[in-house]
Amino acid sequence: MREGHNDLVLSEPDQFRALGHPLRHRLLLALRQRPATLAQLAAALGATKGTVGYHVKILERAGLLRVASTRRVRGGVEQYYEPTSKRLRIAPDAPVGGDFLVRAALAEMLPADEAAPDVTILRHLRLTVAQARNLAAGLERFAEGEHVPAGQDAGRHHGLLLSLYRADIPALPDDPSQ
C-alpha cells in the first residue's frame, strides 16, 4: 500500500493511547469537518471546556492535533485546532493492528435507521498476490475519492472501513471421492 502525503503514520504507543479514549476519538472526528475552538468543541461534544482542553492537549502532544490559527477576543487569544493530517495510517511495525481501527469504527457506529442504509458484509476470497495488490490499490483509490462537499445539505456522515487482510481459514485436503 502506498502512503499519501496527507497520511500520518501511527507507530508510537502514545499516539495509540491518545486515540484510544472515546472523547479524543470524537474530538478528531469533529475536527475533520473544520478547525474549531475549545468552546465550539465543548458545545459539539456536550462536555466542559476544561475537559475538552485536557484531551486536546493530549492529542496535541501525541502529534495528532495542532493549532490552525488564532484570533484576539476580549483581551485574550482564541485558538482554532485542526488534525495534523487528513488521514491516519497504522505503521506495519506498530504495536497494534487492524483490530484497533475495527474497534474505533465500532465505537462510532450509530444504530441502523430506515433513512440510511447500513451494509456490513464479511466475505472471503481466494486471491493471488497480484490480485490482492490490485484490489488493495483500488480500495485506496476509492477511499481517496471526492465525496459530497461539506455544508448544510451535504447529507449525513457515514463511515467506511475497508480492510483487505489474509484470513486464517483452514484448507481442507482434497476429497478423493470427488
N, C-alpha and C. Protein backbone atom coordinates (compact mmCIF):
# COMPACT_ATOMS: atom_id res chain seq x y z
N MET A 1 0.84 -1.18 0.00
CA MET A 1 0.00 0.00 0.00
C MET A 1 0.88 1.24 0.00
N ARG A 2 0.44 2.21 -0.74
CA ARG A 2 1.23 3.43 -0.78
C ARG A 2 0.76 4.41 0.27
N GLU A 3 1.65 5.26 0.73
CA GLU A 3 1.29 6.26 1.73
C GLU A 3 1.16 7.59 1.02
N GLY A 4 0.07 8.27 1.29
CA GLY A 4 -0.14 9.58 0.72
C GLY A 4 0.60 10.64 1.50
N HIS A 5 0.76 11.81 0.88
CA HIS A 5 1.47 12.88 1.57
C HIS A 5 0.61 13.48 2.70
N ASN A 6 -0.66 13.16 2.75
CA ASN A 6 -1.52 13.64 3.82
C ASN A 6 -1.74 12.60 4.90
N ASP A 7 -0.99 11.54 4.90
CA ASP A 7 -1.13 10.48 5.89
C ASP A 7 -0.21 10.74 7.08
N LEU A 8 -0.74 10.50 8.27
CA LEU A 8 0.10 10.45 9.46
C LEU A 8 0.23 8.98 9.79
N VAL A 9 1.43 8.47 9.75
CA VAL A 9 1.67 7.06 10.01
C VAL A 9 1.86 6.88 11.52
N LEU A 10 0.94 6.12 12.11
CA LEU A 10 0.94 5.92 13.55
C LEU A 10 1.84 4.74 13.92
N SER A 11 2.76 5.00 14.83
CA SER A 11 3.66 3.92 15.25
C SER A 11 4.00 3.98 16.74
N GLU A 12 3.79 5.12 17.36
CA GLU A 12 4.20 5.32 18.75
C GLU A 12 3.08 4.96 19.72
N PRO A 13 3.44 4.31 20.82
CA PRO A 13 2.42 3.94 21.81
C PRO A 13 1.58 5.12 22.31
N ASP A 14 2.21 6.32 22.48
CA ASP A 14 1.43 7.47 22.97
C ASP A 14 0.38 7.91 21.97
N GLN A 15 0.61 7.69 20.67
CA GLN A 15 -0.41 8.01 19.67
C GLN A 15 -1.62 7.10 19.84
N PHE A 16 -1.39 5.81 20.06
CA PHE A 16 -2.49 4.87 20.22
C PHE A 16 -3.22 5.08 21.55
N ARG A 17 -2.46 5.43 22.61
CA ARG A 17 -3.12 5.74 23.88
C ARG A 17 -4.01 6.96 23.71
N ALA A 18 -3.52 7.97 23.00
CA ALA A 18 -4.32 9.19 22.78
C ALA A 18 -5.59 8.87 21.99
N LEU A 19 -5.46 8.06 20.97
CA LEU A 19 -6.62 7.72 20.14
C LEU A 19 -7.57 6.73 20.81
N GLY A 20 -7.10 6.03 21.82
CA GLY A 20 -7.90 5.01 22.46
C GLY A 20 -9.01 5.53 23.35
N HIS A 21 -8.98 6.80 23.70
CA HIS A 21 -10.04 7.36 24.56
C HIS A 21 -11.21 7.81 23.69
N PRO A 22 -12.44 7.43 24.04
CA PRO A 22 -13.59 7.75 23.18
C PRO A 22 -13.79 9.25 22.94
N LEU A 23 -13.56 10.08 23.94
CA LEU A 23 -13.75 11.52 23.74
C LEU A 23 -12.70 12.08 22.79
N ARG A 24 -11.47 11.60 22.90
CA ARG A 24 -10.43 12.09 21.99
C ARG A 24 -10.69 11.63 20.56
N HIS A 25 -11.20 10.43 20.42
CA HIS A 25 -11.58 9.93 19.08
C HIS A 25 -12.66 10.84 18.50
N ARG A 26 -13.66 11.18 19.31
CA ARG A 26 -14.75 12.04 18.84
C ARG A 26 -14.25 13.46 18.54
N LEU A 27 -13.28 13.94 19.30
CA LEU A 27 -12.69 15.26 19.02
C LEU A 27 -12.08 15.28 17.62
N LEU A 28 -11.32 14.24 17.30
CA LEU A 28 -10.72 14.17 15.97
C LEU A 28 -11.78 14.10 14.88
N LEU A 29 -12.82 13.33 15.12
CA LEU A 29 -13.91 13.23 14.14
C LEU A 29 -14.54 14.60 13.90
N ALA A 30 -14.81 15.33 14.97
CA ALA A 30 -15.41 16.66 14.83
C ALA A 30 -14.49 17.61 14.08
N LEU A 31 -13.20 17.55 14.37
CA LEU A 31 -12.25 18.47 13.74
C LEU A 31 -11.96 18.14 12.28
N ARG A 32 -12.39 16.99 11.81
CA ARG A 32 -12.23 16.70 10.39
C ARG A 32 -13.16 17.57 9.55
N GLN A 33 -14.21 18.13 10.18
CA GLN A 33 -15.14 18.99 9.47
C GLN A 33 -14.53 20.36 9.18
N ARG A 34 -13.89 20.93 10.21
CA ARG A 34 -13.24 22.24 10.09
C ARG A 34 -12.50 22.53 11.39
N PRO A 35 -11.57 23.48 11.40
CA PRO A 35 -10.92 23.87 12.64
C PRO A 35 -11.96 24.45 13.61
N ALA A 36 -11.73 24.25 14.91
CA ALA A 36 -12.67 24.71 15.92
C ALA A 36 -11.94 25.10 17.19
N THR A 37 -12.61 25.93 18.00
CA THR A 37 -12.09 26.36 19.29
C THR A 37 -12.49 25.35 20.37
N LEU A 38 -11.90 25.50 21.55
CA LEU A 38 -12.28 24.64 22.67
C LEU A 38 -13.76 24.81 23.00
N ALA A 39 -14.26 26.03 22.96
CA ALA A 39 -15.67 26.28 23.26
C ALA A 39 -16.57 25.60 22.22
N GLN A 40 -16.20 25.70 20.96
CA GLN A 40 -17.00 25.06 19.91
C GLN A 40 -16.98 23.54 20.06
N LEU A 41 -15.82 22.99 20.38
CA LEU A 41 -15.71 21.55 20.58
C LEU A 41 -16.51 21.10 21.80
N ALA A 42 -16.44 21.87 22.88
CA ALA A 42 -17.20 21.53 24.09
C ALA A 42 -18.70 21.51 23.79
N ALA A 43 -19.18 22.48 23.04
CA ALA A 43 -20.61 22.53 22.69
C ALA A 43 -21.00 21.34 21.81
N ALA A 44 -20.15 21.00 20.85
CA ALA A 44 -20.45 19.90 19.93
C ALA A 44 -20.47 18.55 20.66
N LEU A 45 -19.59 18.38 21.66
CA LEU A 45 -19.45 17.10 22.33
C LEU A 45 -20.22 17.01 23.64
N GLY A 46 -20.85 18.11 24.05
CA GLY A 46 -21.58 18.09 25.31
C GLY A 46 -20.67 17.88 26.50
N ALA A 47 -19.49 18.47 26.47
CA ALA A 47 -18.50 18.34 27.54
C ALA A 47 -18.11 19.74 28.02
N THR A 48 -17.43 19.82 29.15
CA THR A 48 -16.97 21.12 29.63
C THR A 48 -15.73 21.54 28.85
N LYS A 49 -15.52 22.84 28.82
CA LYS A 49 -14.35 23.38 28.11
C LYS A 49 -13.04 22.87 28.74
N GLY A 50 -13.02 22.72 30.06
CA GLY A 50 -11.83 22.21 30.74
C GLY A 50 -11.52 20.78 30.36
N THR A 51 -12.55 19.95 30.28
CA THR A 51 -12.37 18.54 29.88
C THR A 51 -11.86 18.46 28.45
N VAL A 52 -12.46 19.25 27.57
CA VAL A 52 -12.03 19.26 26.17
C VAL A 52 -10.60 19.76 26.07
N GLY A 53 -10.26 20.81 26.82
CA GLY A 53 -8.90 21.35 26.79
C GLY A 53 -7.87 20.32 27.22
N TYR A 54 -8.19 19.54 28.25
CA TYR A 54 -7.29 18.48 28.72
C TYR A 54 -7.04 17.46 27.61
N HIS A 55 -8.10 17.00 26.97
CA HIS A 55 -7.97 15.98 25.93
C HIS A 55 -7.32 16.52 24.65
N VAL A 56 -7.57 17.78 24.34
CA VAL A 56 -6.90 18.41 23.18
C VAL A 56 -5.40 18.45 23.41
N LYS A 57 -4.96 18.76 24.63
CA LYS A 57 -3.52 18.80 24.93
C LYS A 57 -2.88 17.43 24.74
N ILE A 58 -3.57 16.38 25.14
CA ILE A 58 -3.04 15.02 24.95
C ILE A 58 -2.90 14.71 23.46
N LEU A 59 -3.91 15.05 22.68
CA LEU A 59 -3.84 14.83 21.23
C LEU A 59 -2.75 15.68 20.59
N GLU A 60 -2.58 16.88 21.09
CA GLU A 60 -1.53 17.78 20.57
C GLU A 60 -0.15 17.21 20.87
N ARG A 61 0.07 16.76 22.12
CA ARG A 61 1.36 16.17 22.49
C ARG A 61 1.68 14.91 21.69
N ALA A 62 0.65 14.17 21.30
CA ALA A 62 0.84 12.94 20.52
C ALA A 62 1.03 13.24 19.04
N GLY A 63 0.98 14.52 18.66
CA GLY A 63 1.18 14.90 17.27
C GLY A 63 -0.04 14.70 16.38
N LEU A 64 -1.22 14.59 16.98
CA LEU A 64 -2.45 14.34 16.22
C LEU A 64 -3.25 15.61 15.95
N LEU A 65 -3.04 16.65 16.76
CA LEU A 65 -3.70 17.95 16.58
C LEU A 65 -2.66 19.06 16.60
N ARG A 66 -3.04 20.17 16.01
CA ARG A 66 -2.18 21.37 16.06
C ARG A 66 -3.07 22.60 16.06
N VAL A 67 -2.49 23.73 16.42
CA VAL A 67 -3.20 25.00 16.34
C VAL A 67 -3.20 25.42 14.88
N ALA A 68 -4.40 25.61 14.33
CA ALA A 68 -4.54 26.01 12.93
C ALA A 68 -4.41 27.52 12.78
N SER A 69 -5.01 28.25 13.72
CA SER A 69 -4.97 29.72 13.68
C SER A 69 -5.37 30.25 15.05
N THR A 70 -5.16 31.53 15.23
CA THR A 70 -5.57 32.20 16.46
C THR A 70 -6.28 33.49 16.12
N ARG A 71 -7.07 33.99 17.07
CA ARG A 71 -7.68 35.31 16.89
C ARG A 71 -7.84 35.95 18.26
N ARG A 72 -7.76 37.27 18.29
CA ARG A 72 -7.89 38.01 19.53
C ARG A 72 -9.37 38.14 19.90
N VAL A 73 -9.65 37.85 21.15
CA VAL A 73 -11.01 38.03 21.67
C VAL A 73 -10.93 38.58 23.09
N ARG A 74 -11.61 39.68 23.35
CA ARG A 74 -11.72 40.28 24.68
C ARG A 74 -10.45 40.16 25.53
N GLY A 75 -9.37 40.66 25.03
CA GLY A 75 -8.13 40.67 25.78
C GLY A 75 -7.39 39.34 25.84
N GLY A 76 -7.86 38.35 25.13
CA GLY A 76 -7.19 37.05 25.12
C GLY A 76 -6.98 36.58 23.69
N VAL A 77 -6.49 35.38 23.58
CA VAL A 77 -6.26 34.77 22.27
C VAL A 77 -7.04 33.46 22.23
N GLU A 78 -7.85 33.31 21.20
CA GLU A 78 -8.61 32.08 21.00
C GLU A 78 -7.90 31.25 19.94
N GLN A 79 -7.73 29.96 20.22
CA GLN A 79 -7.03 29.07 19.30
C GLN A 79 -8.02 28.15 18.59
N TYR A 80 -7.79 27.97 17.30
CA TYR A 80 -8.55 27.03 16.50
C TYR A 80 -7.66 25.82 16.25
N TYR A 81 -8.18 24.63 16.54
CA TYR A 81 -7.41 23.39 16.40
C TYR A 81 -7.85 22.63 15.16
N GLU A 82 -6.90 21.87 14.61
CA GLU A 82 -7.18 21.02 13.45
C GLU A 82 -6.31 19.77 13.55
N PRO A 83 -6.72 18.69 12.89
CA PRO A 83 -5.87 17.49 12.85
C PRO A 83 -4.57 17.80 12.09
N THR A 84 -3.50 17.14 12.46
CA THR A 84 -2.22 17.35 11.77
C THR A 84 -2.20 16.68 10.40
N SER A 85 -3.16 15.80 10.15
CA SER A 85 -3.18 15.05 8.90
C SER A 85 -4.62 14.73 8.53
N LYS A 86 -4.87 14.63 7.23
CA LYS A 86 -6.22 14.25 6.76
C LYS A 86 -6.52 12.79 7.08
N ARG A 87 -5.50 11.95 7.01
CA ARG A 87 -5.71 10.51 7.21
C ARG A 87 -4.69 9.96 8.18
N LEU A 88 -5.12 8.93 8.90
CA LEU A 88 -4.23 8.20 9.79
C LEU A 88 -4.01 6.81 9.21
N ARG A 89 -2.79 6.34 9.31
CA ARG A 89 -2.45 5.01 8.81
C ARG A 89 -1.61 4.33 9.88
N ILE A 90 -1.88 3.08 10.12
CA ILE A 90 -1.11 2.33 11.10
C ILE A 90 0.14 1.77 10.45
N ALA A 91 1.29 2.03 11.06
CA ALA A 91 2.57 1.54 10.54
C ALA A 91 2.59 0.02 10.60
N PRO A 92 3.26 -0.61 9.62
CA PRO A 92 3.33 -2.09 9.63
C PRO A 92 3.94 -2.66 10.90
N ASP A 93 4.86 -1.93 11.54
CA ASP A 93 5.52 -2.43 12.75
C ASP A 93 4.93 -1.83 14.03
N ALA A 94 3.72 -1.29 13.94
CA ALA A 94 3.08 -0.64 15.10
C ALA A 94 2.72 -1.68 16.16
N PRO A 95 2.60 -1.23 17.42
CA PRO A 95 2.25 -2.17 18.49
C PRO A 95 0.79 -2.63 18.45
N VAL A 96 -0.01 -2.10 17.54
CA VAL A 96 -1.41 -2.54 17.36
C VAL A 96 -1.61 -2.88 15.90
N GLY A 97 -2.72 -3.51 15.60
CA GLY A 97 -3.02 -3.88 14.22
C GLY A 97 -4.36 -3.32 13.78
N GLY A 98 -4.91 -3.93 12.75
CA GLY A 98 -6.18 -3.51 12.20
C GLY A 98 -7.33 -3.58 13.19
N ASP A 99 -7.19 -4.43 14.21
CA ASP A 99 -8.25 -4.54 15.22
C ASP A 99 -8.47 -3.21 15.93
N PHE A 100 -7.43 -2.38 16.02
CA PHE A 100 -7.55 -1.05 16.62
C PHE A 100 -8.55 -0.21 15.82
N LEU A 101 -8.44 -0.24 14.49
CA LEU A 101 -9.36 0.51 13.64
C LEU A 101 -10.77 -0.07 13.67
N VAL A 102 -10.86 -1.38 13.74
CA VAL A 102 -12.19 -2.02 13.82
C VAL A 102 -12.89 -1.58 15.10
N ARG A 103 -12.17 -1.58 16.22
CA ARG A 103 -12.78 -1.12 17.48
C ARG A 103 -13.19 0.35 17.40
N ALA A 104 -12.36 1.17 16.76
CA ALA A 104 -12.70 2.59 16.60
C ALA A 104 -13.96 2.75 15.76
N ALA A 105 -14.06 1.99 14.67
CA ALA A 105 -15.25 2.06 13.82
C ALA A 105 -16.49 1.60 14.58
N LEU A 106 -16.36 0.53 15.35
CA LEU A 106 -17.50 0.04 16.15
C LEU A 106 -17.97 1.09 17.15
N ALA A 107 -17.02 1.82 17.74
CA ALA A 107 -17.37 2.82 18.74
C ALA A 107 -18.14 3.99 18.14
N GLU A 108 -17.93 4.28 16.88
CA GLU A 108 -18.62 5.43 16.28
C GLU A 108 -19.88 5.05 15.51
N MET A 109 -20.16 3.77 15.38
CA MET A 109 -21.34 3.34 14.63
C MET A 109 -22.63 3.67 15.38
N LEU A 110 -23.55 4.29 14.66
CA LEU A 110 -24.88 4.55 15.19
C LEU A 110 -25.79 3.37 14.86
N PRO A 111 -26.87 3.21 15.61
CA PRO A 111 -27.82 2.15 15.25
C PRO A 111 -28.39 2.42 13.85
N ALA A 112 -28.70 1.35 13.14
CA ALA A 112 -29.26 1.49 11.80
C ALA A 112 -30.60 2.21 11.88
N ASP A 113 -30.91 2.99 10.85
CA ASP A 113 -32.24 3.58 10.76
C ASP A 113 -32.75 3.40 9.34
N GLU A 114 -34.02 3.59 9.17
CA GLU A 114 -34.65 3.32 7.88
C GLU A 114 -34.22 4.31 6.80
N ALA A 115 -33.77 5.50 7.20
CA ALA A 115 -33.44 6.54 6.22
C ALA A 115 -32.08 6.34 5.57
N ALA A 116 -31.19 5.61 6.22
CA ALA A 116 -29.84 5.45 5.68
C ALA A 116 -29.45 3.98 5.72
N PRO A 117 -28.96 3.47 4.63
CA PRO A 117 -28.61 2.05 4.61
C PRO A 117 -27.33 1.77 5.42
N ASP A 118 -27.35 0.69 6.15
CA ASP A 118 -26.16 0.16 6.79
C ASP A 118 -25.84 -1.15 6.09
N VAL A 119 -24.62 -1.28 5.65
CA VAL A 119 -24.21 -2.50 4.97
C VAL A 119 -22.93 -2.98 5.61
N THR A 120 -22.97 -4.14 6.18
CA THR A 120 -21.77 -4.77 6.72
C THR A 120 -21.74 -6.18 6.16
N ILE A 121 -20.70 -6.46 5.42
CA ILE A 121 -20.60 -7.75 4.75
C ILE A 121 -19.21 -8.32 5.02
N LEU A 122 -19.16 -9.57 5.37
CA LEU A 122 -17.88 -10.27 5.50
C LEU A 122 -17.86 -11.35 4.44
N ARG A 123 -16.91 -11.28 3.56
CA ARG A 123 -16.74 -12.28 2.51
C ARG A 123 -15.29 -12.74 2.53
N HIS A 124 -15.09 -13.96 2.13
CA HIS A 124 -13.74 -14.49 2.00
C HIS A 124 -13.50 -14.81 0.53
N LEU A 125 -12.36 -14.38 0.04
CA LEU A 125 -12.00 -14.55 -1.37
C LEU A 125 -10.70 -15.31 -1.47
N ARG A 126 -10.52 -15.99 -2.58
CA ARG A 126 -9.21 -16.59 -2.89
C ARG A 126 -8.58 -15.69 -3.94
N LEU A 127 -7.46 -15.07 -3.58
CA LEU A 127 -6.79 -14.13 -4.46
C LEU A 127 -5.31 -14.48 -4.59
N THR A 128 -4.77 -14.25 -5.77
CA THR A 128 -3.32 -14.34 -5.93
C THR A 128 -2.72 -13.09 -5.29
N VAL A 129 -1.41 -13.07 -5.10
CA VAL A 129 -0.75 -11.90 -4.55
C VAL A 129 -1.00 -10.69 -5.45
N ALA A 130 -0.92 -10.89 -6.77
CA ALA A 130 -1.16 -9.78 -7.70
C ALA A 130 -2.60 -9.27 -7.60
N GLN A 131 -3.56 -10.17 -7.49
CA GLN A 131 -4.95 -9.75 -7.36
C GLN A 131 -5.17 -8.99 -6.05
N ALA A 132 -4.57 -9.46 -4.97
CA ALA A 132 -4.70 -8.78 -3.68
C ALA A 132 -4.10 -7.38 -3.75
N ARG A 133 -2.95 -7.24 -4.39
CA ARG A 133 -2.32 -5.91 -4.54
C ARG A 133 -3.20 -4.99 -5.36
N ASN A 134 -3.76 -5.50 -6.47
CA ASN A 134 -4.65 -4.69 -7.31
C ASN A 134 -5.90 -4.27 -6.56
N LEU A 135 -6.48 -5.18 -5.80
CA LEU A 135 -7.67 -4.85 -5.02
C LEU A 135 -7.34 -3.81 -3.95
N ALA A 136 -6.22 -3.98 -3.25
CA ALA A 136 -5.81 -3.01 -2.23
C ALA A 136 -5.62 -1.63 -2.84
N ALA A 137 -4.99 -1.56 -4.00
CA ALA A 137 -4.78 -0.28 -4.68
C ALA A 137 -6.12 0.34 -5.07
N GLY A 138 -7.05 -0.48 -5.55
CA GLY A 138 -8.38 0.03 -5.91
C GLY A 138 -9.14 0.56 -4.71
N LEU A 139 -9.04 -0.13 -3.57
CA LEU A 139 -9.69 0.34 -2.35
C LEU A 139 -9.08 1.67 -1.89
N GLU A 140 -7.77 1.79 -2.00
CA GLU A 140 -7.10 3.05 -1.66
C GLU A 140 -7.61 4.18 -2.54
N ARG A 141 -7.69 3.94 -3.85
CA ARG A 141 -8.18 4.98 -4.77
C ARG A 141 -9.62 5.36 -4.43
N PHE A 142 -10.45 4.37 -4.12
CA PHE A 142 -11.84 4.66 -3.77
C PHE A 142 -11.91 5.49 -2.49
N ALA A 143 -11.14 5.13 -1.48
CA ALA A 143 -11.16 5.83 -0.21
C ALA A 143 -10.64 7.26 -0.34
N GLU A 144 -9.78 7.53 -1.32
CA GLU A 144 -9.24 8.87 -1.52
C GLU A 144 -10.13 9.73 -2.40
N GLY A 145 -11.18 9.15 -2.98
CA GLY A 145 -12.02 9.86 -3.94
C GLY A 145 -12.74 11.06 -3.37
N GLU A 146 -13.26 11.87 -4.28
CA GLU A 146 -14.04 13.04 -3.90
C GLU A 146 -15.40 12.58 -3.40
N HIS A 147 -15.87 13.22 -2.35
CA HIS A 147 -17.16 12.86 -1.78
C HIS A 147 -18.03 14.10 -1.69
N VAL A 148 -19.18 13.97 -1.13
CA VAL A 148 -20.12 15.07 -1.02
C VAL A 148 -19.46 16.22 -0.26
N PRO A 149 -19.54 17.43 -0.78
CA PRO A 149 -18.93 18.58 -0.09
C PRO A 149 -19.64 18.89 1.22
N ALA A 150 -18.92 19.54 2.11
CA ALA A 150 -19.49 19.92 3.40
C ALA A 150 -20.52 21.03 3.20
N GLY A 151 -21.43 21.13 4.12
CA GLY A 151 -22.44 22.18 4.07
C GLY A 151 -23.74 21.67 4.64
N GLN A 152 -24.71 22.53 4.73
CA GLN A 152 -25.99 22.19 5.34
C GLN A 152 -26.69 21.04 4.63
N ASP A 153 -26.65 21.00 3.30
CA ASP A 153 -27.38 19.98 2.54
C ASP A 153 -26.48 18.86 2.04
N ALA A 154 -25.36 18.65 2.72
CA ALA A 154 -24.38 17.67 2.26
C ALA A 154 -24.72 16.25 2.69
N GLY A 155 -25.76 16.06 3.47
CA GLY A 155 -26.12 14.72 3.90
C GLY A 155 -25.52 14.37 5.25
N ARG A 156 -25.77 13.16 5.67
CA ARG A 156 -25.29 12.67 6.96
C ARG A 156 -23.89 12.09 6.83
N HIS A 157 -23.18 12.10 7.95
CA HIS A 157 -21.85 11.49 7.96
C HIS A 157 -21.99 9.98 7.96
N HIS A 158 -21.14 9.33 7.21
CA HIS A 158 -21.07 7.87 7.18
C HIS A 158 -19.61 7.47 7.32
N GLY A 159 -19.37 6.32 7.86
CA GLY A 159 -18.01 5.79 7.97
C GLY A 159 -17.81 4.70 6.94
N LEU A 160 -16.59 4.56 6.51
CA LEU A 160 -16.24 3.50 5.57
C LEU A 160 -14.99 2.83 6.10
N LEU A 161 -15.11 1.58 6.49
CA LEU A 161 -13.97 0.81 6.99
C LEU A 161 -13.66 -0.23 5.94
N LEU A 162 -12.55 -0.06 5.27
CA LEU A 162 -12.12 -1.01 4.26
C LEU A 162 -10.95 -1.81 4.82
N SER A 163 -11.02 -3.09 4.66
CA SER A 163 -9.94 -3.92 5.14
C SER A 163 -9.75 -5.11 4.21
N LEU A 164 -8.59 -5.25 3.70
CA LEU A 164 -8.21 -6.43 2.94
C LEU A 164 -7.11 -7.10 3.76
N TYR A 165 -7.38 -8.30 4.21
CA TYR A 165 -6.43 -8.98 5.07
C TYR A 165 -6.34 -10.45 4.69
N ARG A 166 -5.21 -11.07 5.00
CA ARG A 166 -5.08 -12.51 4.81
C ARG A 166 -5.84 -13.18 5.92
N ALA A 167 -6.73 -14.07 5.57
CA ALA A 167 -7.58 -14.75 6.56
C ALA A 167 -6.98 -16.10 6.94
N ASP A 168 -7.11 -16.44 8.20
CA ASP A 168 -6.64 -17.73 8.71
C ASP A 168 -7.79 -18.72 8.59
N ILE A 169 -7.95 -19.28 7.41
CA ILE A 169 -9.02 -20.24 7.13
C ILE A 169 -8.36 -21.59 6.85
N PRO A 170 -8.75 -22.62 7.60
CA PRO A 170 -8.15 -23.94 7.39
C PRO A 170 -8.42 -24.44 5.96
N ALA A 171 -7.42 -25.00 5.32
CA ALA A 171 -7.58 -25.56 3.97
C ALA A 171 -7.86 -27.05 4.09
N LEU A 172 -9.00 -27.43 3.57
CA LEU A 172 -9.36 -28.85 3.58
C LEU A 172 -8.50 -29.60 2.56
N PRO A 173 -8.13 -30.83 2.88
CA PRO A 173 -7.38 -31.62 1.88
C PRO A 173 -8.32 -32.02 0.73
N ASP A 174 -7.74 -32.39 -0.38
CA ASP A 174 -8.55 -32.84 -1.49
C ASP A 174 -9.42 -34.01 -1.07
N ASP A 175 -10.63 -34.06 -1.60
CA ASP A 175 -11.58 -35.14 -1.31
C ASP A 175 -11.37 -36.22 -2.39
N PRO A 176 -10.84 -37.37 -2.00
CA PRO A 176 -10.56 -38.41 -3.00
C PRO A 176 -11.84 -38.97 -3.66
N SER A 177 -12.99 -38.78 -3.04
CA SER A 177 -14.22 -39.31 -3.62
C SER A 177 -14.77 -38.43 -4.73
N GLN A 178 -14.18 -37.27 -4.95
CA GLN A 178 -14.72 -36.37 -5.98
C GLN A 178 -13.79 -36.26 -7.17
